[in-house]
Amino acid sequence: MATKTKRDYYEVLGLQKGASDDDIKKAYRKMAVKWHPDKWQQASDAEKKKAEENFKEVAEAYEVLSDANKRARYDQFGFNAPGGFGANGAGGGFEGFSADFDPMDIFNAFFGGGGRSAGGARSYSFNFGGGSPFEGAFGGFNGGFEGFGRRSTKGADRRITLKVTLQEVAKGVTKKGKIQGEEISIPLPAGVREGQQFKLAGKGFPSQVLGGQPGDLLVNIEEVPDPELLRDQDDLVYNLALPFTTAALGGQAEVPTLDGRARITIKPGTQSGSMLRLKGKGLPNTEGYGKGDLIVNVLVYVPENLTDKERKAIECLRDSQNCQPSEAKRQSLFSKIKYLFQRHQEA
């Protein structure tokens, strides 16, 4: 029997990658109400089965995307994250799941704004690999709504943004600071990306309930733009403005790297749009697959103002057939520009 392909968690909730926490909560409420099996009691067996599967799928997506650490791992690795996600993955399941919004919203949507009498109550026994996705917020459906409406004793999460340079991304860095008077260290691995989020458990705001646990510290990564190098996944890109004389005759050029300046050799006849690759001079791959490259994108510079002597020297070449681009050369240059455009569209 063929295994059902897992759908992207953002797609399951009808969201785009980068959605806010509030957007995730709202989307979850909406989809949980839509697919809750109680809404499908009069449907066919096939429709009931589909609703139950979709309800589990929605709950699994929310369980991952509502957790800062799991969401960061999912955004980075997808379903190939170490340990995986879902009921069978070390990073998944619904153990300890707690809906951090008012459960009355969903309860009212199911039952029309009011509870049921003891004779009309229903019992649910779906297996979510660790209990109902609402368990912990109001005791689970099977528990007869024990503790219904109880607010979480956990304190609110605190959010901060850490700015990192490409040099820090390349080697990893430990940032230090103070939270509520406590000095903390935040280790960031090499290869972190813009928008990644890390969680430090228990470093958020204190609980408002006596004996409650403090919230978490959610650390968002922001890359500081480098004045010379651009990041393209694990690769770095440098736009080299090359004098047209060096492009024609060949020579040496200097380019920046994360380890300092490096000299490269320019072959005679180098065209604008050529890309020279320096292997291993990029950023480390977060999955442990070595390093990216430094790509030098050549832009041939043509002087805007010429002296009389320079003009006469160039005019000697005006009628030279060798200085006129052939159709093959034109197609070659077009292919390079098309390739760069496609890479920009895919980024």
C-alpha atoms as a PDB file:
ATOM      1  CA  MET A   1       0.000   0.000   0.000  1.00  0.00           C
ATOM      2  CA  ALA A   2       1.385   3.397  -0.999  1.00  0.00           C
ATOM      3  CA  THR A   3       2.267   5.744   1.833  1.00  0.00           C
ATOM      4  CA  LYS A   4       0.343   9.019   1.856  1.00  0.00           C
ATOM      5  CA  THR A   5       2.608  11.970   1.161  1.00  0.00           C
ATOM      6  CA  LYS A   6       2.667  14.419   4.064  1.00  0.00           C
ATOM      7  CA  ARG A   7       1.477  17.899   3.190  1.00  0.00           C
ATOM      8  CA  ASP A   8       3.470  20.988   4.072  1.00  0.00           C
ATOM      9  CA  TYR A   9       2.369  22.212   7.524  1.00  0.00           C
ATOM     10  CA  TYR A  10       1.835  25.766   6.271  1.00  0.00           C
ATOM     11  CA  GLU A  11      -0.332  24.436   3.442  1.00  0.00           C
ATOM     12  CA  VAL A  12      -2.397  22.404   5.917  1.00  0.00           C
ATOM     13  CA  LEU A  13      -3.271  25.586   7.835  1.00  0.00           C
ATOM     14  CA  GLY A  14      -3.672  27.680   4.686  1.00  0.00           C
ATOM     15  CA  LEU A  15      -0.691  29.895   5.540  1.00  0.00           C
ATOM     16  CA  GLN A  16       2.478  31.186   3.924  1.00  0.00           C
ATOM     17  CA  LYS A  17       5.912  30.565   5.413  1.00  0.00           C
ATOM     18  CA  GLY A  18       6.747  33.453   7.729  1.00  0.00           C
ATOM     19  CA  ALA A  19       3.228  33.729   9.161  1.00  0.00           C
ATOM     20  CA  SER A  20       3.018  35.318  12.608  1.00  0.00           C
ATOM     21  CA  ASP A  21       2.129  33.414  15.779  1.00  0.00           C
ATOM     22  CA  ASP A  22      -1.290  35.083  15.807  1.00  0.00           C
ATOM     23  CA  ASP A  23      -1.911  34.044  12.200  1.00  0.00           C
ATOM     24  CA  ILE A  24      -1.049  30.445  13.103  1.00  0.00           C
ATOM     25  CA  LYS A  25      -3.441  30.453  16.076  1.00  0.00           C
ATOM     26  CA  LYS A  26      -6.291  31.954  14.025  1.00  0.00           C
ATOM     27  CA  ALA A  27      -5.747  29.519  11.164  1.00  0.00           C
ATOM     28  CA  TYR A  28      -5.669  26.593  13.582  1.00  0.00           C
ATOM     29  CA  ARG A  29      -8.939  27.626  15.227  1.00  0.00           C
ATOM     30  CA  LYS A  30     -10.611  27.914  11.844  1.00  0.00           C
ATOM     31  CA  MET A  31      -9.353  24.585  10.501  1.00  0.00           C
ATOM     32  CA  ALA A  32      -9.952  22.712  13.774  1.00  0.00           C
ATOM     33  CA  VAL A  33     -13.600  23.837  13.736  1.00  0.00           C
ATOM     34  CA  LYS A  34     -13.968  22.953  10.053  1.00  0.00           C
ATOM     35  CA  TRP A  35     -12.661  19.396  10.350  1.00  0.00           C
ATOM     36  CA  HIS A  36     -13.703  18.438  13.869  1.00  0.00           C
ATOM     37  CA  PRO A  37     -15.475  15.041  13.593  1.00  0.00           C
ATOM     38  CA  ASP A  38     -18.440  16.350  15.569  1.00  0.00           C
ATOM     39  CA  LYS A  39     -19.295  18.486  12.551  1.00  0.00           C
ATOM     40  CA  TRP A  40     -19.419  15.415  10.299  1.00  0.00           C
ATOM     41  CA  GLN A  41     -21.755  13.109  12.241  1.00  0.00           C
ATOM     42  CA  GLN A  42     -24.325  13.058   9.423  1.00  0.00           C
ATOM     43  CA  ALA A  43     -21.761  12.556   6.656  1.00  0.00           C
ATOM     44  CA  SER A  44     -20.867   9.342   4.847  1.00  0.00           C
ATOM     45  CA  ASP A  45     -18.264   6.976   6.285  1.00  0.00           C
ATOM     46  CA  ALA A  46     -15.718   8.147   3.711  1.00  0.00           C
ATOM     47  CA  GLU A  47     -16.338  11.790   4.595  1.00  0.00           C
ATOM     48  CA  LYS A  48     -16.096  11.022   8.311  1.00  0.00           C
ATOM     49  CA  LYS A  49     -12.768   9.273   7.758  1.00  0.00           C
ATOM     50  CA  LYS A  50     -11.459  12.202   5.717  1.00  0.00           C
ATOM     51  CA  ALA A  51     -12.569  14.694   8.397  1.00  0.00           C
ATOM     52  CA  GLU A  52     -10.832  12.698  11.131  1.00  0.00           C
ATOM     53  CA  GLU A  53      -7.601  12.483   9.089  1.00  0.00           C
ATOM     54  CA  ASN A  54      -7.696  16.197   8.304  1.00  0.00           C
ATOM     55  CA  PHE A  55      -8.373  17.043  11.946  1.00  0.00           C
ATOM     56  CA  LYS A  56      -5.310  15.055  13.019  1.00  0.00           C
ATOM     57  CA  GLU A  57      -3.268  16.682  10.245  1.00  0.00           C
ATOM     58  CA  VAL A  58      -4.314  20.173  11.375  1.00  0.00           C
ATOM     59  CA  ALA A  59      -3.487  19.398  15.004  1.00  0.00           C
ATOM     60  CA  GLU A  60      -0.054  18.021  14.029  1.00  0.00           C
ATOM     61  CA  ALA A  61       0.715  21.120  11.933  1.00  0.00           C
ATOM     62  CA  TYR A  62      -0.207  23.437  14.796  1.00  0.00           C
ATOM     63  CA  GLU A  63       1.782  21.396  17.317  1.00  0.00           C
ATOM     64  CA  VAL A  64       4.949  21.990  15.247  1.00  0.00           C
ATOM     65  CA  LEU A  65       4.390  25.547  14.011  1.00  0.00           C
ATOM     66  CA  SER A  66       3.303  26.880  17.410  1.00  0.00           C
ATOM     67  CA  ASP A  67       6.566  25.724  19.005  1.00  0.00           C
ATOM     68  CA  ALA A  68       9.455  28.090  18.201  1.00  0.00           C
ATOM     69  CA  ASN A  69      12.158  25.387  18.248  1.00  0.00           C
ATOM     70  CA  LYS A  70      10.191  22.848  16.227  1.00  0.00           C
ATOM     71  CA  ARG A  71       9.107  25.500  13.745  1.00  0.00           C
ATOM     72  CA  ALA A  72      12.720  26.655  13.248  1.00  0.00           C
ATOM     73  CA  ARG A  73      13.803  23.054  12.610  1.00  0.00           C
ATOM     74  CA  TYR A  74      10.905  22.489  10.226  1.00  0.00           C
ATOM     75  CA  ASP A  75      11.573  25.755   8.326  1.00  0.00           C
ATOM     76  CA  GLN A  76      15.215  24.754   7.937  1.00  0.00           C
ATOM     77  CA  PHE A  77      15.025  21.013   7.250  1.00  0.00           C
ATOM     78  CA  GLY A  78      11.360  20.283   6.481  1.00  0.00           C
ATOM     79  CA  PHE A  79      10.329  16.691   7.223  1.00  0.00           C
ATOM     80  CA  ASN A  80      13.999  15.654   6.988  1.00  0.00           C
ATOM     81  CA  ALA A  81      14.796  17.303  10.333  1.00  0.00           C
ATOM     82  CA  PRO A  82      16.686  15.040  12.752  1.00  0.00           C
ATOM     83  CA  GLY A  83      14.069  13.050  14.681  1.00  0.00           C
ATOM     84  CA  GLY A  84      11.364  13.996  12.224  1.00  0.00           C
ATOM     85  CA  PHE A  85       7.898  15.335  13.025  1.00  0.00           C
ATOM     86  CA  GLY A  86       4.507  13.848  13.634  1.00  0.00           C
ATOM     87  CA  ALA A  87       3.284  11.075  15.864  1.00  0.00           C
ATOM     88  CA  ASN A  88       6.225   8.784  15.013  1.00  0.00           C
ATOM     89  CA  GLY A  89       8.960  11.409  15.044  1.00  0.00           C
ATOM     90  CA  ALA A  90      11.075  12.373  18.018  1.00  0.00           C
ATOM     91  CA  GLY A  91      10.273  15.996  17.331  1.00  0.00           C
ATOM     92  CA  GLY A  92       6.578  15.383  16.930  1.00  0.00           C
ATOM     93  CA  GLY A  93       3.683  13.793  18.728  1.00  0.00           C
ATOM     94  CA  PHE A  94       1.357  15.726  20.981  1.00  0.00           C
ATOM     95  CA  GLU A  95       2.850  14.965  24.371  1.00  0.00           C
ATOM     96  CA  GLY A  96       2.292  17.974  26.566  1.00  0.00           C
ATOM     97  CA  PHE A  97       0.416  19.895  23.868  1.00  0.00           C
ATOM     98  CA  SER A  98      -1.371  22.915  25.318  1.00  0.00           C
ATOM     99  CA  ALA A  99      -3.648  25.236  23.378  1.00  0.00           C
ATOM    100  CA  ASP A 100      -2.624  28.729  24.493  1.00  0.00           C
ATOM    101  CA  PHE A 101      -5.854  30.412  23.451  1.00  0.00           C
ATOM    102  CA  ASP A 102      -9.351  30.382  24.935  1.00  0.00           C
ATOM    103  CA  PRO A 103     -10.785  26.872  24.358  1.00  0.00           C
ATOM    104  CA  MET A 104     -14.326  28.308  24.588  1.00  0.00           C
ATOM    105  CA  ASP A 105     -13.839  29.628  21.032  1.00  0.00           C
ATOM    106  CA  ILE A 106     -13.680  26.121  19.628  1.00  0.00           C
ATOM    107  CA  PHE A 107     -16.125  24.632  22.136  1.00  0.00           C
ATOM    108  CA  ASN A 108     -18.778  27.208  21.222  1.00  0.00           C
ATOM    109  CA  ALA A 109     -18.214  26.575  17.531  1.00  0.00           C
ATOM    110  CA  PHE A 110     -18.814  22.837  18.065  1.00  0.00           C
ATOM    111  CA  PHE A 111     -21.814  23.053  20.398  1.00  0.00           C
ATOM    112  CA  GLY A 112     -23.468  26.373  19.524  1.00  0.00           C
ATOM    113  CA  GLY A 113     -22.325  28.451  22.484  1.00  0.00           C
ATOM    114  CA  GLY A 114     -23.265  26.167  25.362  1.00  0.00           C
ATOM    115  CA  GLY A 115     -22.295  22.900  27.041  1.00  0.00           C
ATOM    116  CA  ARG A 116     -24.302  19.705  26.951  1.00  0.00           C
ATOM    117  CA  SER A 117     -26.238  17.913  29.590  1.00  0.00           C
ATOM    118  CA  ALA A 118     -24.725  14.813  31.057  1.00  0.00           C
ATOM    119  CA  GLY A 119     -27.000  12.713  28.874  1.00  0.00           C
ATOM    120  CA  GLY A 120     -25.961  14.516  25.718  1.00  0.00           C
ATOM    121  CA  ALA A 121     -22.210  14.681  26.286  1.00  0.00           C
ATOM    122  CA  ARG A 122     -20.000  12.965  23.764  1.00  0.00           C
ATOM    123  CA  SER A 123     -16.724  11.171  24.316  1.00  0.00           C
ATOM    124  CA  TYR A 124     -13.861  11.346  21.846  1.00  0.00           C
ATOM    125  CA  SER A 125     -11.070   8.794  21.598  1.00  0.00           C
ATOM    126  CA  PHE A 126      -8.897   9.841  18.684  1.00  0.00           C
ATOM    127  CA  ASN A 127      -5.286   8.694  18.961  1.00  0.00           C
ATOM    128  CA  PHE A 128      -2.941  11.653  18.502  1.00  0.00           C
ATOM    129  CA  GLY A 129       0.191   9.911  19.772  1.00  0.00           C
ATOM    130  CA  GLY A 130      -0.012  11.550  23.186  1.00  0.00           C
ATOM    131  CA  GLY A 131      -3.607  12.611  23.740  1.00  0.00           C
ATOM    132  CA  SER A 132      -6.043  15.116  22.324  1.00  0.00           C
ATOM    133  CA  PRO A 133      -4.484  18.306  20.958  1.00  0.00           C
ATOM    134  CA  PHE A 134      -6.611  20.243  23.441  1.00  0.00           C
ATOM    135  CA  GLU A 135      -5.438  18.211  26.439  1.00  0.00           C
ATOM    136  CA  GLY A 136      -3.699  20.379  28.996  1.00  0.00           C
ATOM    137  CA  ALA A 137      -5.814  23.388  28.073  1.00  0.00           C
ATOM    138  CA  PHE A 138      -9.025  21.893  29.469  1.00  0.00           C
ATOM    139  CA  GLY A 139      -8.317  18.328  30.482  1.00  0.00           C
ATOM    140  CA  GLY A 140      -9.135  16.664  27.144  1.00  0.00           C
ATOM    141  CA  PHE A 141     -12.513  15.573  25.770  1.00  0.00           C
ATOM    142  CA  ASN A 142     -12.326  12.171  27.414  1.00  0.00           C
ATOM    143  CA  GLY A 143     -11.842  13.807  30.797  1.00  0.00           C
ATOM    144  CA  GLY A 144     -15.294  15.386  30.756  1.00  0.00           C
ATOM    145  CA  PHE A 145     -13.803  18.905  30.354  1.00  0.00           C
ATOM    146  CA  GLU A 146     -12.199  18.847  33.760  1.00  0.00           C
ATOM    147  CA  GLY A 147     -10.655  22.217  34.488  1.00  0.00           C
ATOM    148  CA  PHE A 148     -12.368  23.773  31.480  1.00  0.00           C
ATOM    149  CA  GLY A 149     -11.448  27.429  30.932  1.00  0.00           C
ATOM    150  CA  ARG A 150      -8.392  27.260  33.205  1.00  0.00           C
ATOM    151  CA  ARG A 151      -5.679  29.705  32.208  1.00  0.00           C
ATOM    152  CA  SER A 152      -2.119  28.538  31.715  1.00  0.00           C
ATOM    153  CA  THR A 153       0.174  29.007  34.716  1.00  0.00           C
ATOM    154  CA  LYS A 154       3.134  29.562  32.428  1.00  0.00           C
ATOM    155  CA  GLY A 155       4.476  33.090  32.070  1.00  0.00           C
ATOM    156  CA  ALA A 156       4.487  34.947  28.769  1.00  0.00           C
ATOM    157  CA  ASP A 157       7.291  34.432  26.278  1.00  0.00           C
ATOM    158  CA  ARG A 158       9.830  37.175  25.755  1.00  0.00           C
ATOM    159  CA  ARG A 159      11.070  37.923  22.237  1.00  0.00           C
ATOM    160  CA  ILE A 160      14.383  39.471  21.240  1.00  0.00           C
ATOM    161  CA  THR A 161      16.223  39.939  17.956  1.00  0.00           C
ATOM    162  CA  LEU A 162      19.934  39.208  17.623  1.00  0.00           C
ATOM    163  CA  LYS A 163      21.879  40.761  14.774  1.00  0.00           C
ATOM    164  CA  VAL A 164      24.699  38.679  13.296  1.00  0.00           C
ATOM    165  CA  THR A 165      27.313  39.484  10.663  1.00  0.00           C
ATOM    166  CA  LEU A 166      28.387  37.118   7.885  1.00  0.00           C
ATOM    167  CA  GLN A 167      31.663  36.600   9.756  1.00  0.00           C
ATOM    168  CA  GLU A 168      29.694  35.458  12.827  1.00  0.00           C
ATOM    169  CA  VAL A 169      27.475  33.254  10.677  1.00  0.00           C
ATOM    170  CA  ALA A 170      30.571  31.618   9.193  1.00  0.00           C
ATOM    171  CA  LYS A 171      32.093  30.561  12.513  1.00  0.00           C
ATOM    172  CA  GLY A 172      29.180  30.554  14.947  1.00  0.00           C
ATOM    173  CA  VAL A 173      29.009  32.946  17.864  1.00  0.00           C
ATOM    174  CA  THR A 174      27.876  33.210  21.474  1.00  0.00           C
ATOM    175  CA  LYS A 175      25.975  36.398  22.207  1.00  0.00           C
ATOM    176  CA  LYS A 176      25.796  37.685  25.767  1.00  0.00           C
ATOM    177  CA  GLY A 177      23.307  40.002  27.379  1.00  0.00           C
ATOM    178  CA  LYS A 178      21.109  40.621  30.396  1.00  0.00           C
ATOM    179  CA  ILE A 179      17.493  39.554  30.815  1.00  0.00           C
ATOM    180  CA  GLN A 180      15.756  40.834  33.955  1.00  0.00           C
ATOM    181  CA  GLY A 181      19.153  41.477  35.502  1.00  0.00           C
ATOM    182  CA  GLU A 182      20.398  37.963  34.763  1.00  0.00           C
ATOM    183  CA  GLU A 183      23.376  37.628  32.437  1.00  0.00           C
ATOM    184  CA  ILE A 184      22.766  34.958  29.825  1.00  0.00           C
ATOM    185  CA  SER A 185      24.739  33.442  26.960  1.00  0.00           C
ATOM    186  CA  ILE A 186      23.025  32.559  23.703  1.00  0.00           C
ATOM    187  CA  PRO A 187      25.111  30.172  21.551  1.00  0.00           C
ATOM    188  CA  LEU A 188      24.336  30.343  17.833  1.00  0.00           C
ATOM    189  CA  PRO A 189      25.637  27.594  15.525  1.00  0.00           C
ATOM    190  CA  ALA A 190      27.541  28.341  12.331  1.00  0.00           C
ATOM    191  CA  GLY A 191      25.343  28.774   9.276  1.00  0.00           C
ATOM    192  CA  VAL A 192      22.305  30.390  10.948  1.00  0.00           C
ATOM    193  CA  ARG A 193      19.929  32.197   8.626  1.00  0.00           C
ATOM    194  CA  GLU A 194      17.820  35.330   8.594  1.00  0.00           C
ATOM    195  CA  GLY A 195      14.471  34.695  10.288  1.00  0.00           C
ATOM    196  CA  GLN A 196      15.549  31.583  12.206  1.00  0.00           C
ATOM    197  CA  GLN A 197      14.281  31.386  15.754  1.00  0.00           C
ATOM    198  CA  PHE A 198      15.777  29.701  18.827  1.00  0.00           C
ATOM    199  CA  LYS A 199      14.175  29.108  22.202  1.00  0.00           C
ATOM    200  CA  LEU A 200      15.740  29.350  25.667  1.00  0.00           C
ATOM    201  CA  ALA A 201      13.329  27.627  28.007  1.00  0.00           C
ATOM    202  CA  GLY A 202      12.454  29.420  31.229  1.00  0.00           C
ATOM    203  CA  LYS A 203      14.049  32.757  30.291  1.00  0.00           C
ATOM    204  CA  GLY A 204      10.822  34.596  29.540  1.00  0.00           C
ATOM    205  CA  PHE A 205       8.482  36.593  31.773  1.00  0.00           C
ATOM    206  CA  PRO A 206       7.646  35.183  35.216  1.00  0.00           C
ATOM    207  CA  SER A 207       4.286  33.518  35.750  1.00  0.00           C
ATOM    208  CA  GLN A 208       1.476  35.571  37.256  1.00  0.00           C
ATOM    209  CA  VAL A 209       0.363  32.471  39.153  1.00  0.00           C
ATOM    210  CA  LEU A 210       2.097  31.412  42.349  1.00  0.00           C
ATOM    211  CA  GLY A 211       4.258  28.385  41.639  1.00  0.00           C
ATOM    212  CA  GLY A 212       3.877  28.751  37.865  1.00  0.00           C
ATOM    213  CA  GLN A 213       6.716  28.353  35.408  1.00  0.00           C
ATOM    214  CA  PRO A 214       8.329  31.324  33.599  1.00  0.00           C
ATOM    215  CA  GLY A 215       7.833  31.701  29.883  1.00  0.00           C
ATOM    216  CA  ASP A 216      10.526  31.147  27.261  1.00  0.00           C
ATOM    217  CA  LEU A 217      12.940  33.482  25.535  1.00  0.00           C
ATOM    218  CA  LEU A 218      12.418  33.411  21.756  1.00  0.00           C
ATOM    219  CA  VAL A 219      15.496  34.585  19.881  1.00  0.00           C
ATOM    220  CA  ASN A 220      15.002  35.767  16.298  1.00  0.00           C
ATOM    221  CA  ILE A 221      17.985  36.005  13.945  1.00  0.00           C
ATOM    222  CA  GLU A 222      18.581  39.079  11.795  1.00  0.00           C
ATOM    223  CA  GLU A 223      21.530  39.223   9.395  1.00  0.00           C
ATOM    224  CA  VAL A 224      23.482  42.472   9.155  1.00  0.00           C
ATOM    225  CA  PRO A 225      24.024  43.249   5.433  1.00  0.00           C
ATOM    226  CA  ASP A 226      27.676  43.015   4.427  1.00  0.00           C
ATOM    227  CA  PRO A 227      28.973  46.030   2.450  1.00  0.00           C
ATOM    228  CA  GLU A 228      30.622  43.795  -0.183  1.00  0.00           C
ATOM    229  CA  LEU A 229      29.296  40.240  -0.028  1.00  0.00           C
ATOM    230  CA  LEU A 230      25.772  39.010  -0.734  1.00  0.00           C
ATOM    231  CA  ARG A 231      24.409  35.746   0.665  1.00  0.00           C
ATOM    232  CA  ASP A 232      22.765  33.158  -1.595  1.00  0.00           C
ATOM    233  CA  GLN A 233      21.939  30.151   0.627  1.00  0.00           C
ATOM    234  CA  ASP A 234      25.393  28.782   1.543  1.00  0.00           C
ATOM    235  CA  ASP A 235      27.143  30.657  -1.278  1.00  0.00           C
ATOM    236  CA  LEU A 236      28.475  34.201  -1.175  1.00  0.00           C
ATOM    237  CA  VAL A 237      28.370  36.512  -4.183  1.00  0.00           C
ATOM    238  CA  TYR A 238      30.720  39.397  -4.963  1.00  0.00           C
ATOM    239  CA  ASN A 239      30.127  41.752  -7.883  1.00  0.00           C
ATOM    240  CA  LEU A 240      33.530  42.569  -9.364  1.00  0.00           C
ATOM    241  CA  ALA A 241      33.748  45.759 -11.445  1.00  0.00           C
ATOM    242  CA  LEU A 242      36.535  44.811 -13.866  1.00  0.00           C
ATOM    243  CA  PRO A 243      38.315  47.357 -16.124  1.00  0.00           C
ATOM    244  CA  PHE A 244      37.595  46.515 -19.741  1.00  0.00           C
ATOM    245  CA  THR A 245      41.325  46.504 -20.450  1.00  0.00           C
ATOM    246  CA  THR A 246      41.875  43.725 -17.874  1.00  0.00           C
ATOM    247  CA  ALA A 247      38.870  41.854 -19.222  1.00  0.00           C
ATOM    248  CA  ALA A 248      40.372  42.005 -22.713  1.00  0.00           C
ATOM    249  CA  LEU A 249      44.036  41.434 -21.876  1.00  0.00           C
ATOM    250  CA  GLY A 250      43.767  39.368 -18.700  1.00  0.00           C
ATOM    251  CA  GLY A 251      45.489  40.082 -15.407  1.00  0.00           C
ATOM    252  CA  GLN A 252      44.940  40.000 -11.648  1.00  0.00           C
ATOM    253  CA  ALA A 253      42.036  41.222  -9.507  1.00  0.00           C
ATOM    254  CA  GLU A 254      41.421  41.381  -5.760  1.00  0.00           C
ATOM    255  CA  VAL A 255      38.209  40.183  -4.126  1.00  0.00           C
ATOM    256  CA  PRO A 256      37.016  40.113  -0.481  1.00  0.00           C
ATOM    257  CA  THR A 257      36.439  36.844   1.399  1.00  0.00           C
ATOM    258  CA  LEU A 258      35.402  36.112   4.961  1.00  0.00           C
ATOM    259  CA  ASP A 259      39.084  35.463   5.740  1.00  0.00           C
ATOM    260  CA  GLY A 260      40.452  38.647   4.144  1.00  0.00           C
ATOM    261  CA  ARG A 261      41.331  39.738   0.602  1.00  0.00           C
ATOM    262  CA  ALA A 262      42.263  37.226  -2.100  1.00  0.00           C
ATOM    263  CA  ARG A 263      43.833  37.654  -5.531  1.00  0.00           C
ATOM    264  CA  ILE A 264      42.357  35.884  -8.533  1.00  0.00           C
ATOM    265  CA  THR A 265      43.529  35.461 -12.109  1.00  0.00           C
ATOM    266  CA  ILE A 266      41.464  36.950 -14.918  1.00  0.00           C
ATOM    267  CA  LYS A 267      41.765  35.178 -18.264  1.00  0.00           C
ATOM    268  CA  PRO A 268      42.076  37.272 -21.434  1.00  0.00           C
ATOM    269  CA  GLY A 269      38.692  37.780 -23.081  1.00  0.00           C
ATOM    270  CA  THR A 270      36.660  37.489 -19.869  1.00  0.00           C
ATOM    271  CA  GLN A 271      33.100  38.596 -20.564  1.00  0.00           C
ATOM    272  CA  SER A 272      30.732  40.654 -18.420  1.00  0.00           C
ATOM    273  CA  GLY A 273      28.427  38.227 -16.636  1.00  0.00           C
ATOM    274  CA  SER A 274      31.116  35.565 -16.227  1.00  0.00           C
ATOM    275  CA  MET A 275      31.047  33.840 -12.853  1.00  0.00           C
ATOM    276  CA  LEU A 276      34.291  32.739 -11.234  1.00  0.00           C
ATOM    277  CA  ARG A 277      33.902  30.235  -8.394  1.00  0.00           C
ATOM    278  CA  LEU A 278      36.176  30.031  -5.346  1.00  0.00           C
ATOM    279  CA  LYS A 279      35.418  26.623  -3.835  1.00  0.00           C
ATOM    280  CA  GLY A 280      34.798  26.438  -0.094  1.00  0.00           C
ATOM    281  CA  LYS A 281      34.945  30.191   0.468  1.00  0.00           C
ATOM    282  CA  GLY A 282      31.250  30.451   1.309  1.00  0.00           C
ATOM    283  CA  LEU A 283      29.275  29.673   4.477  1.00  0.00           C
ATOM    284  CA  PRO A 284      29.039  26.346   6.317  1.00  0.00           C
ATOM    285  CA  ASN A 285      26.054  24.155   5.539  1.00  0.00           C
ATOM    286  CA  THR A 286      23.829  23.706   8.587  1.00  0.00           C
ATOM    287  CA  GLU A 287      23.235  20.046   7.673  1.00  0.00           C
ATOM    288  CA  GLY A 288      26.960  19.323   7.786  1.00  0.00           C
ATOM    289  CA  TYR A 289      27.576  19.101   4.033  1.00  0.00           C
ATOM    290  CA  GLY A 290      30.713  21.226   3.913  1.00  0.00           C
ATOM    291  CA  LYS A 291      30.814  24.848   2.810  1.00  0.00           C
ATOM    292  CA  GLY A 292      29.371  26.896   0.017  1.00  0.00           C
ATOM    293  CA  ASP A 293      31.446  28.809  -2.532  1.00  0.00           C
ATOM    294  CA  LEU A 294      32.335  32.412  -3.217  1.00  0.00           C
ATOM    295  CA  ILE A 295      30.986  33.354  -6.629  1.00  0.00           C
ATOM    296  CA  VAL A 296      32.631  36.323  -8.305  1.00  0.00           C
ATOM    297  CA  ASN A 297      30.212  37.917 -10.746  1.00  0.00           C
ATOM    298  CA  VAL A 298      32.204  39.850 -13.335  1.00  0.00           C
ATOM    299  CA  LEU A 299      30.874  43.232 -14.462  1.00  0.00           C
ATOM    300  CA  VAL A 300      33.077  44.779 -17.125  1.00  0.00           C
ATOM    301  CA  TYR A 301      33.485  48.508 -16.590  1.00  0.00           C
ATOM    302  CA  VAL A 302      33.587  50.755 -19.670  1.00  0.00           C
ATOM    303  CA  PRO A 303      34.912  54.291 -18.997  1.00  0.00           C
ATOM    304  CA  GLU A 304      32.333  57.034 -19.442  1.00  0.00           C
ATOM    305  CA  ASN A 305      34.793  59.803 -20.308  1.00  0.00           C
ATOM    306  CA  LEU A 306      37.816  59.333 -22.576  1.00  0.00           C
ATOM    307  CA  THR A 307      40.792  61.553 -23.262  1.00  0.00           C
ATOM    308  CA  ASP A 308      41.660  62.292 -26.904  1.00  0.00           C
ATOM    309  CA  LYS A 309      44.543  59.852 -26.715  1.00  0.00           C
ATOM    310  CA  GLU A 310      42.344  57.094 -25.273  1.00  0.00           C
ATOM    311  CA  ARG A 311      39.639  57.723 -27.843  1.00  0.00           C
ATOM    312  CA  LYS A 312      42.095  57.484 -30.767  1.00  0.00           C
ATOM    313  CA  ALA A 313      43.492  54.232 -29.385  1.00  0.00           C
ATOM    314  CA  ILE A 314      40.041  52.678 -29.181  1.00  0.00           C
ATOM    315  CA  GLU A 315      38.931  54.044 -32.564  1.00  0.00           C
ATOM    316  CA  CYS A 316      41.667  51.952 -34.129  1.00  0.00           C
ATOM    317  CA  LEU A 317      39.665  48.895 -33.054  1.00  0.00           C
ATOM    318  CA  ARG A 318      36.233  50.159 -34.108  1.00  0.00           C
ATOM    319  CA  ASP A 319      36.205  48.439 -37.489  1.00  0.00           C
ATOM    320  CA  SER A 320      37.979  45.298 -36.345  1.00  0.00           C
ATOM    321  CA  GLN A 321      35.782  42.269 -37.023  1.00  0.00           C
ATOM    322  CA  ASN A 322      37.310  40.592 -33.988  1.00  0.00           C
ATOM    323  CA  CYS A 323      35.760  43.274 -31.751  1.00  0.00           C
ATOM    324  CA  GLN A 324      32.227  42.594 -33.031  1.00  0.00           C
ATOM    325  CA  PRO A 325      30.190  39.994 -31.083  1.00  0.00           C
ATOM    326  CA  SER A 326      29.118  36.995 -33.160  1.00  0.00           C
ATOM    327  CA  GLU A 327      25.661  35.434 -32.885  1.00  0.00           C
ATOM    328  CA  ALA A 328      27.154  32.573 -30.865  1.00  0.00           C
ATOM    329  CA  LYS A 329      28.700  35.050 -28.417  1.00  0.00           C
ATOM    330  CA  ARG A 330      25.415  36.909 -28.139  1.00  0.00           C
ATOM    331  CA  GLN A 331      23.569  33.698 -27.313  1.00  0.00           C
ATOM    332  CA  SER A 332      26.237  32.778 -24.752  1.00  0.00           C
ATOM    333  CA  LEU A 333      25.916  36.133 -22.988  1.00  0.00           C
ATOM    334  CA  PHE A 334      22.118  35.866 -23.062  1.00  0.00           C
ATOM    335  CA  SER A 335      22.274  32.410 -21.448  1.00  0.00           C
ATOM    336  CA  LYS A 336      24.357  33.770 -18.561  1.00  0.00           C
ATOM    337  CA  ILE A 337      21.940  36.626 -17.925  1.00  0.00           C
ATOM    338  CA  LYS A 338      18.990  34.212 -18.098  1.00  0.00           C
ATOM    339  CA  TYR A 339      20.694  31.908 -15.572  1.00  0.00           C
ATOM    340  CA  LEU A 340      21.262  34.777 -13.137  1.00  0.00           C
ATOM    341  CA  PHE A 341      17.634  35.874 -13.522  1.00  0.00           C
ATOM    342  CA  GLN A 342      16.379  32.363 -12.801  1.00  0.00           C
ATOM    343  CA  ARG A 343      18.533  32.108  -9.675  1.00  0.00           C
ATOM    344  CA  HIS A 344      17.102  35.420  -8.472  1.00  0.00           C
ATOM    345  CA  GLN A 345      13.540  34.181  -9.086  1.00  0.00           C
ATOM    346  CA  GLU A 346      14.216  30.934  -7.182  1.00  0.00           C
ATOM    347  CA  ALA A 347      15.854  32.669  -4.178  1.00  0.00           C
END
